[in-house]
Structures are given as structure tokens and as C-alpha cells.
Amino acid sequence: MGIKPISVFMHVHGHVPVAARTIMSLIRHAYCPHRIEFWIYQEVQVQKQDIFSLCLSMCNTVQETSFIRRMHVVTQDTEMTNGSLFAWNELSKYCSADRGMILLTSPGLVARKDWDFALRQE
């Protein structure tokens, strides 16, 4: 059956650069980044930079680029927010029920080395 992925759910409203740094930190400090999926609910205005393009511009390796290309992004064009609970609920509709762990997080998190391994041990 194998080890199921850790699905990282993040709500992004107006803090796109901070969110992008959080995503890159989670990738770069993971014990096994292949077992991490990103599910992002972003609320941005169309003319503003989105999370996907900003993360791609921050990639240093082909491997990092491949992780970002697998990222799932739901975008709402809005100046107002519906809140993180609403966003995480919306993301759960797209993510299958047989997922492994789900990590609910916000922009600003800084990952420590092997954070995913430590989380699985808890």
C-alpha cells in the first residue's frame, strides 16, 4: 500500500510572497519531498502575482520545479476573504478522502529540517 502523502493545505490572501517562501521552505527542508502535496486556496486580484508563478521563479533546481508543477491551486479573484476555514473546506472537496495526513497551515511558517519525518512519527 505504501506511505500516503502529506497534503499541505494553505489559505493565501494577500500575502503571496510570504506564502511562496513558506512553500519553498517546506520543500527544501522535507525529508522526502516526493511525499508532499500542496493544495493552495488563493484569494488574489487578477492583476496581482499568483502563488504558482512566484514559486516557479524561486526554484533553484529541476526537482524543486517539478514539485511546484504538481501543486494544486484554487484561485478566487477577490479583494475580500472568506477565511481559512472556508478555504480549507473548499480544498477538501478536491482532495480524495483516502489521503494520509493533512497539514493545515498559513503563510509565514518556516520549516525545520526533516519536518515531514517528525510529523509522521507523532
N, C-alpha and C. Protein backbone atom coordinates (compact mmCIF):
# COMPACT_ATOMS: atom_id res chain seq x y z
N MET A 1 0.82 -1.19 0.00
CA MET A 1 0.00 0.00 0.00
C MET A 1 0.87 1.26 0.00
N GLY A 2 2.01 1.25 0.70
CA GLY A 2 2.92 2.39 0.67
C GLY A 2 2.53 3.50 1.62
N ILE A 3 3.43 4.45 1.74
CA ILE A 3 3.20 5.60 2.60
C ILE A 3 2.40 6.63 1.82
N LYS A 4 1.30 7.08 2.41
CA LYS A 4 0.46 8.08 1.76
C LYS A 4 1.10 9.46 1.92
N PRO A 5 0.79 10.36 1.01
CA PRO A 5 1.41 11.69 1.07
C PRO A 5 0.87 12.55 2.21
N ILE A 6 1.63 13.55 2.56
CA ILE A 6 1.15 14.60 3.45
C ILE A 6 0.59 15.68 2.54
N SER A 7 -0.67 16.00 2.71
CA SER A 7 -1.31 17.05 1.93
C SER A 7 -1.25 18.35 2.73
N VAL A 8 -0.57 19.33 2.20
CA VAL A 8 -0.43 20.62 2.86
C VAL A 8 -1.50 21.55 2.31
N PHE A 9 -2.42 21.97 3.18
CA PHE A 9 -3.48 22.90 2.81
C PHE A 9 -3.06 24.29 3.28
N MET A 10 -3.12 25.28 2.37
CA MET A 10 -2.78 26.64 2.74
C MET A 10 -3.76 27.62 2.13
N HIS A 11 -4.20 28.56 2.96
CA HIS A 11 -5.05 29.65 2.51
C HIS A 11 -4.17 30.88 2.33
N VAL A 12 -4.23 31.48 1.15
CA VAL A 12 -3.40 32.65 0.83
C VAL A 12 -4.31 33.81 0.48
N HIS A 13 -4.23 34.86 1.29
CA HIS A 13 -4.99 36.07 1.00
C HIS A 13 -4.08 37.28 1.17
N GLY A 14 -3.56 37.77 0.06
CA GLY A 14 -2.78 38.99 0.08
C GLY A 14 -1.34 38.87 0.54
N HIS A 15 -0.89 37.69 0.91
CA HIS A 15 0.48 37.50 1.39
C HIS A 15 1.21 36.52 0.47
N VAL A 16 1.14 36.75 -0.81
CA VAL A 16 1.68 35.80 -1.79
C VAL A 16 3.20 35.58 -1.61
N PRO A 17 4.03 36.62 -1.46
CA PRO A 17 5.47 36.36 -1.27
C PRO A 17 5.77 35.56 0.00
N VAL A 18 5.05 35.84 1.06
CA VAL A 18 5.25 35.09 2.32
C VAL A 18 4.83 33.64 2.13
N ALA A 19 3.70 33.42 1.46
CA ALA A 19 3.22 32.06 1.20
C ALA A 19 4.20 31.29 0.32
N ALA A 20 4.75 31.94 -0.69
CA ALA A 20 5.72 31.28 -1.57
C ALA A 20 6.97 30.87 -0.80
N ARG A 21 7.44 31.72 0.10
CA ARG A 21 8.60 31.36 0.93
C ARG A 21 8.27 30.18 1.84
N THR A 22 7.05 30.13 2.34
CA THR A 22 6.62 29.00 3.19
C THR A 22 6.64 27.71 2.39
N ILE A 23 6.09 27.72 1.19
CA ILE A 23 6.05 26.52 0.35
C ILE A 23 7.47 26.05 0.02
N MET A 24 8.33 26.98 -0.36
CA MET A 24 9.70 26.61 -0.69
C MET A 24 10.44 26.08 0.54
N SER A 25 10.16 26.63 1.70
CA SER A 25 10.77 26.14 2.94
C SER A 25 10.32 24.70 3.23
N LEU A 26 9.04 24.42 3.03
CA LEU A 26 8.53 23.07 3.25
C LEU A 26 9.17 22.06 2.29
N ILE A 27 9.37 22.47 1.05
CA ILE A 27 10.01 21.58 0.07
C ILE A 27 11.48 21.37 0.42
N ARG A 28 12.18 22.44 0.69
CA ARG A 28 13.64 22.37 0.88
C ARG A 28 14.05 21.70 2.19
N HIS A 29 13.16 21.68 3.18
CA HIS A 29 13.51 21.08 4.46
C HIS A 29 12.83 19.74 4.71
N ALA A 30 12.15 19.22 3.71
CA ALA A 30 11.47 17.94 3.86
C ALA A 30 12.46 16.78 3.76
N TYR A 31 12.20 15.75 4.54
CA TYR A 31 12.97 14.52 4.48
C TYR A 31 12.70 13.82 3.16
N CYS A 32 11.43 13.81 2.75
CA CYS A 32 11.03 13.18 1.49
C CYS A 32 10.01 14.06 0.77
N PRO A 33 10.47 15.07 0.04
CA PRO A 33 9.54 15.99 -0.63
C PRO A 33 8.64 15.32 -1.68
N HIS A 34 9.01 14.12 -2.13
CA HIS A 34 8.16 13.41 -3.09
C HIS A 34 6.83 12.99 -2.47
N ARG A 35 6.78 12.94 -1.15
CA ARG A 35 5.56 12.51 -0.46
C ARG A 35 4.79 13.69 0.12
N ILE A 36 4.94 14.84 -0.49
CA ILE A 36 4.22 16.04 -0.06
C ILE A 36 3.43 16.58 -1.24
N GLU A 37 2.18 16.92 -0.98
CA GLU A 37 1.32 17.55 -1.98
C GLU A 37 0.90 18.90 -1.44
N PHE A 38 0.85 19.89 -2.30
CA PHE A 38 0.41 21.22 -1.88
C PHE A 38 -0.95 21.52 -2.49
N TRP A 39 -1.87 21.94 -1.63
CA TRP A 39 -3.22 22.34 -2.03
C TRP A 39 -3.39 23.77 -1.54
N ILE A 40 -3.43 24.71 -2.48
CA ILE A 40 -3.43 26.13 -2.14
C ILE A 40 -4.74 26.77 -2.58
N TYR A 41 -5.36 27.49 -1.66
CA TYR A 41 -6.55 28.29 -1.97
C TYR A 41 -6.12 29.74 -1.89
N GLN A 42 -6.02 30.40 -3.04
CA GLN A 42 -5.55 31.78 -3.05
C GLN A 42 -6.68 32.73 -3.43
N GLU A 43 -6.74 33.82 -2.70
CA GLU A 43 -7.70 34.89 -2.98
C GLU A 43 -6.87 36.11 -3.38
N VAL A 44 -6.80 36.37 -4.66
CA VAL A 44 -5.99 37.47 -5.18
C VAL A 44 -6.74 38.19 -6.29
N GLN A 45 -6.34 39.43 -6.53
CA GLN A 45 -6.86 40.15 -7.68
C GLN A 45 -6.12 39.65 -8.91
N VAL A 46 -6.79 39.61 -10.04
CA VAL A 46 -6.22 39.04 -11.27
C VAL A 46 -4.90 39.70 -11.65
N GLN A 47 -4.77 40.99 -11.49
CA GLN A 47 -3.54 41.67 -11.90
C GLN A 47 -2.37 41.44 -10.94
N LYS A 48 -2.61 40.88 -9.80
CA LYS A 48 -1.54 40.61 -8.83
C LYS A 48 -0.83 39.29 -9.17
N GLN A 49 0.39 39.14 -8.68
CA GLN A 49 1.15 37.91 -8.94
C GLN A 49 0.54 36.75 -8.16
N ASP A 50 0.40 35.62 -8.80
CA ASP A 50 -0.18 34.46 -8.13
C ASP A 50 0.91 33.58 -7.53
N ILE A 51 0.50 32.68 -6.67
CA ILE A 51 1.41 31.83 -5.91
C ILE A 51 2.20 30.89 -6.82
N PHE A 52 1.57 30.35 -7.83
CA PHE A 52 2.23 29.39 -8.71
C PHE A 52 3.41 30.03 -9.44
N SER A 53 3.18 31.17 -10.08
CA SER A 53 4.26 31.81 -10.84
C SER A 53 5.38 32.31 -9.93
N LEU A 54 5.03 32.78 -8.75
CA LEU A 54 6.07 33.24 -7.82
C LEU A 54 6.92 32.07 -7.32
N CYS A 55 6.29 30.96 -6.98
CA CYS A 55 7.04 29.77 -6.55
C CYS A 55 7.96 29.27 -7.66
N LEU A 56 7.46 29.24 -8.90
CA LEU A 56 8.30 28.81 -10.02
C LEU A 56 9.54 29.70 -10.15
N SER A 57 9.37 30.98 -9.93
CA SER A 57 10.51 31.90 -10.06
C SER A 57 11.53 31.71 -8.93
N MET A 58 11.13 31.08 -7.83
CA MET A 58 12.01 30.86 -6.68
C MET A 58 12.75 29.52 -6.74
N CYS A 59 12.39 28.66 -7.68
CA CYS A 59 13.00 27.33 -7.77
C CYS A 59 14.47 27.42 -8.17
N ASN A 60 15.31 26.65 -7.48
CA ASN A 60 16.74 26.60 -7.77
C ASN A 60 17.15 25.34 -8.53
N THR A 61 16.30 24.33 -8.53
CA THR A 61 16.65 23.06 -9.17
C THR A 61 15.47 22.55 -10.00
N VAL A 62 15.77 21.62 -10.87
CA VAL A 62 14.73 20.97 -11.67
C VAL A 62 13.78 20.22 -10.75
N GLN A 63 14.31 19.62 -9.70
CA GLN A 63 13.48 18.88 -8.75
C GLN A 63 12.48 19.80 -8.06
N GLU A 64 12.92 20.97 -7.61
CA GLU A 64 12.00 21.92 -7.00
C GLU A 64 10.92 22.35 -7.98
N THR A 65 11.30 22.57 -9.22
CA THR A 65 10.34 22.95 -10.26
C THR A 65 9.28 21.86 -10.45
N SER A 66 9.70 20.61 -10.42
CA SER A 66 8.74 19.52 -10.59
C SER A 66 7.76 19.46 -9.42
N PHE A 67 8.23 19.74 -8.20
CA PHE A 67 7.33 19.75 -7.04
C PHE A 67 6.30 20.87 -7.18
N ILE A 68 6.73 22.04 -7.63
CA ILE A 68 5.82 23.17 -7.79
C ILE A 68 4.81 22.89 -8.90
N ARG A 69 5.23 22.26 -9.97
CA ARG A 69 4.31 21.95 -11.08
C ARG A 69 3.21 20.96 -10.65
N ARG A 70 3.45 20.21 -9.57
CA ARG A 70 2.42 19.29 -9.06
C ARG A 70 1.47 19.97 -8.07
N MET A 71 1.74 21.22 -7.75
CA MET A 71 0.93 21.94 -6.77
C MET A 71 -0.48 22.19 -7.31
N HIS A 72 -1.48 22.01 -6.46
CA HIS A 72 -2.88 22.24 -6.81
C HIS A 72 -3.27 23.62 -6.29
N VAL A 73 -3.78 24.47 -7.18
CA VAL A 73 -4.14 25.83 -6.79
C VAL A 73 -5.58 26.12 -7.20
N VAL A 74 -6.36 26.57 -6.23
CA VAL A 74 -7.71 27.06 -6.48
C VAL A 74 -7.63 28.57 -6.29
N THR A 75 -8.05 29.32 -7.31
CA THR A 75 -7.93 30.78 -7.26
C THR A 75 -9.30 31.45 -7.30
N GLN A 76 -9.47 32.39 -6.38
CA GLN A 76 -10.65 33.24 -6.36
C GLN A 76 -10.19 34.67 -6.59
N ASP A 77 -10.78 35.34 -7.55
CA ASP A 77 -10.46 36.74 -7.84
C ASP A 77 -11.29 37.62 -6.90
N THR A 78 -10.66 38.11 -5.86
CA THR A 78 -11.40 38.88 -4.88
C THR A 78 -10.47 39.74 -4.04
N GLU A 79 -11.01 40.81 -3.51
CA GLU A 79 -10.27 41.63 -2.55
C GLU A 79 -10.63 41.21 -1.13
N MET A 80 -11.78 40.56 -0.99
CA MET A 80 -12.25 40.15 0.34
C MET A 80 -11.89 38.69 0.57
N THR A 81 -11.88 38.28 1.82
CA THR A 81 -11.56 36.89 2.14
C THR A 81 -12.76 36.20 2.77
N ASN A 82 -12.87 34.93 2.52
CA ASN A 82 -13.89 34.11 3.17
C ASN A 82 -13.32 33.42 4.41
N GLY A 83 -12.02 33.54 4.63
CA GLY A 83 -11.38 32.96 5.81
C GLY A 83 -10.76 31.60 5.55
N SER A 84 -9.87 31.23 6.44
CA SER A 84 -9.12 29.98 6.28
C SER A 84 -10.01 28.75 6.39
N LEU A 85 -10.96 28.73 7.32
CA LEU A 85 -11.82 27.55 7.45
C LEU A 85 -12.60 27.30 6.17
N PHE A 86 -13.11 28.36 5.56
CA PHE A 86 -13.81 28.22 4.27
C PHE A 86 -12.85 27.68 3.21
N ALA A 87 -11.65 28.25 3.15
CA ALA A 87 -10.66 27.83 2.15
C ALA A 87 -10.29 26.37 2.32
N TRP A 88 -10.00 25.95 3.54
CA TRP A 88 -9.61 24.56 3.77
C TRP A 88 -10.76 23.61 3.44
N ASN A 89 -11.99 24.03 3.73
CA ASN A 89 -13.15 23.21 3.36
C ASN A 89 -13.27 23.07 1.85
N GLU A 90 -13.05 24.16 1.12
CA GLU A 90 -13.08 24.10 -0.33
C GLU A 90 -12.01 23.16 -0.87
N LEU A 91 -10.81 23.24 -0.33
CA LEU A 91 -9.72 22.37 -0.78
C LEU A 91 -10.04 20.90 -0.51
N SER A 92 -10.70 20.63 0.59
CA SER A 92 -11.02 19.24 0.93
C SER A 92 -11.96 18.60 -0.09
N LYS A 93 -12.70 19.41 -0.82
CA LYS A 93 -13.60 18.89 -1.86
C LYS A 93 -12.82 18.32 -3.04
N TYR A 94 -11.62 18.81 -3.25
CA TYR A 94 -10.79 18.37 -4.38
C TYR A 94 -9.85 17.23 -4.00
N CYS A 95 -9.57 17.09 -2.74
CA CYS A 95 -8.61 16.10 -2.24
C CYS A 95 -9.38 14.84 -1.85
N SER A 96 -8.94 13.68 -2.29
CA SER A 96 -9.67 12.44 -2.03
C SER A 96 -9.67 12.09 -0.54
N ALA A 97 -10.69 11.38 -0.12
CA ALA A 97 -10.89 11.04 1.29
C ALA A 97 -9.86 10.06 1.83
N ASP A 98 -9.21 9.31 0.96
CA ASP A 98 -8.27 8.29 1.44
C ASP A 98 -6.84 8.85 1.57
N ARG A 99 -6.72 10.15 1.70
CA ARG A 99 -5.42 10.79 1.86
C ARG A 99 -4.79 10.35 3.18
N GLY A 100 -3.50 10.52 3.25
CA GLY A 100 -2.79 10.27 4.50
C GLY A 100 -3.06 11.41 5.47
N MET A 101 -2.04 12.15 5.78
CA MET A 101 -2.17 13.28 6.70
C MET A 101 -2.47 14.56 5.94
N ILE A 102 -3.17 15.46 6.62
CA ILE A 102 -3.40 16.80 6.09
C ILE A 102 -2.81 17.78 7.09
N LEU A 103 -1.96 18.67 6.58
CA LEU A 103 -1.36 19.71 7.41
C LEU A 103 -2.02 21.02 7.03
N LEU A 104 -2.76 21.62 7.97
CA LEU A 104 -3.39 22.91 7.75
C LEU A 104 -2.40 23.98 8.20
N THR A 105 -2.03 24.85 7.28
CA THR A 105 -1.02 25.85 7.62
C THR A 105 -1.35 27.20 6.98
N SER A 106 -0.57 28.18 7.36
CA SER A 106 -0.76 29.55 6.88
C SER A 106 0.56 30.10 6.38
N PRO A 107 0.53 31.13 5.57
CA PRO A 107 1.77 31.78 5.14
C PRO A 107 2.56 32.28 6.35
N GLY A 108 3.86 32.11 6.28
CA GLY A 108 4.73 32.56 7.37
C GLY A 108 5.43 31.44 8.11
N LEU A 109 4.97 30.22 7.92
CA LEU A 109 5.60 29.08 8.57
C LEU A 109 7.00 28.88 8.00
N VAL A 110 7.96 28.56 8.86
CA VAL A 110 9.31 28.22 8.43
C VAL A 110 9.57 26.79 8.87
N ALA A 111 9.83 25.92 7.92
CA ALA A 111 10.01 24.50 8.22
C ALA A 111 11.38 24.23 8.82
N ARG A 112 11.42 23.23 9.69
CA ARG A 112 12.71 22.77 10.21
C ARG A 112 13.12 21.53 9.42
N LYS A 113 14.37 21.18 9.52
CA LYS A 113 14.90 20.03 8.79
C LYS A 113 14.10 18.77 9.11
N ASP A 114 13.75 18.03 8.07
CA ASP A 114 13.02 16.75 8.18
C ASP A 114 11.68 16.89 8.90
N TRP A 115 11.00 18.00 8.72
CA TRP A 115 9.73 18.26 9.38
C TRP A 115 8.70 17.18 9.07
N ASP A 116 8.70 16.67 7.84
CA ASP A 116 7.71 15.67 7.44
C ASP A 116 7.95 14.34 8.15
N PHE A 117 9.21 13.97 8.33
CA PHE A 117 9.55 12.74 9.05
C PHE A 117 9.10 12.86 10.50
N ALA A 118 9.38 14.00 11.12
CA ALA A 118 8.97 14.23 12.51
C ALA A 118 7.46 14.19 12.66
N LEU A 119 6.74 14.76 11.71
CA LEU A 119 5.28 14.77 11.77
C LEU A 119 4.73 13.34 11.69
N ARG A 120 5.29 12.54 10.86
CA ARG A 120 4.82 11.13 10.73
C ARG A 120 5.11 10.33 11.99
N GLN A 121 6.12 10.71 12.74
CA GLN A 121 6.46 9.98 13.96
C GLN A 121 5.55 10.32 15.13
N GLU A 122 4.83 11.43 15.03
CA GLU A 122 3.97 11.87 16.15
C GLU A 122 2.75 11.01 16.27
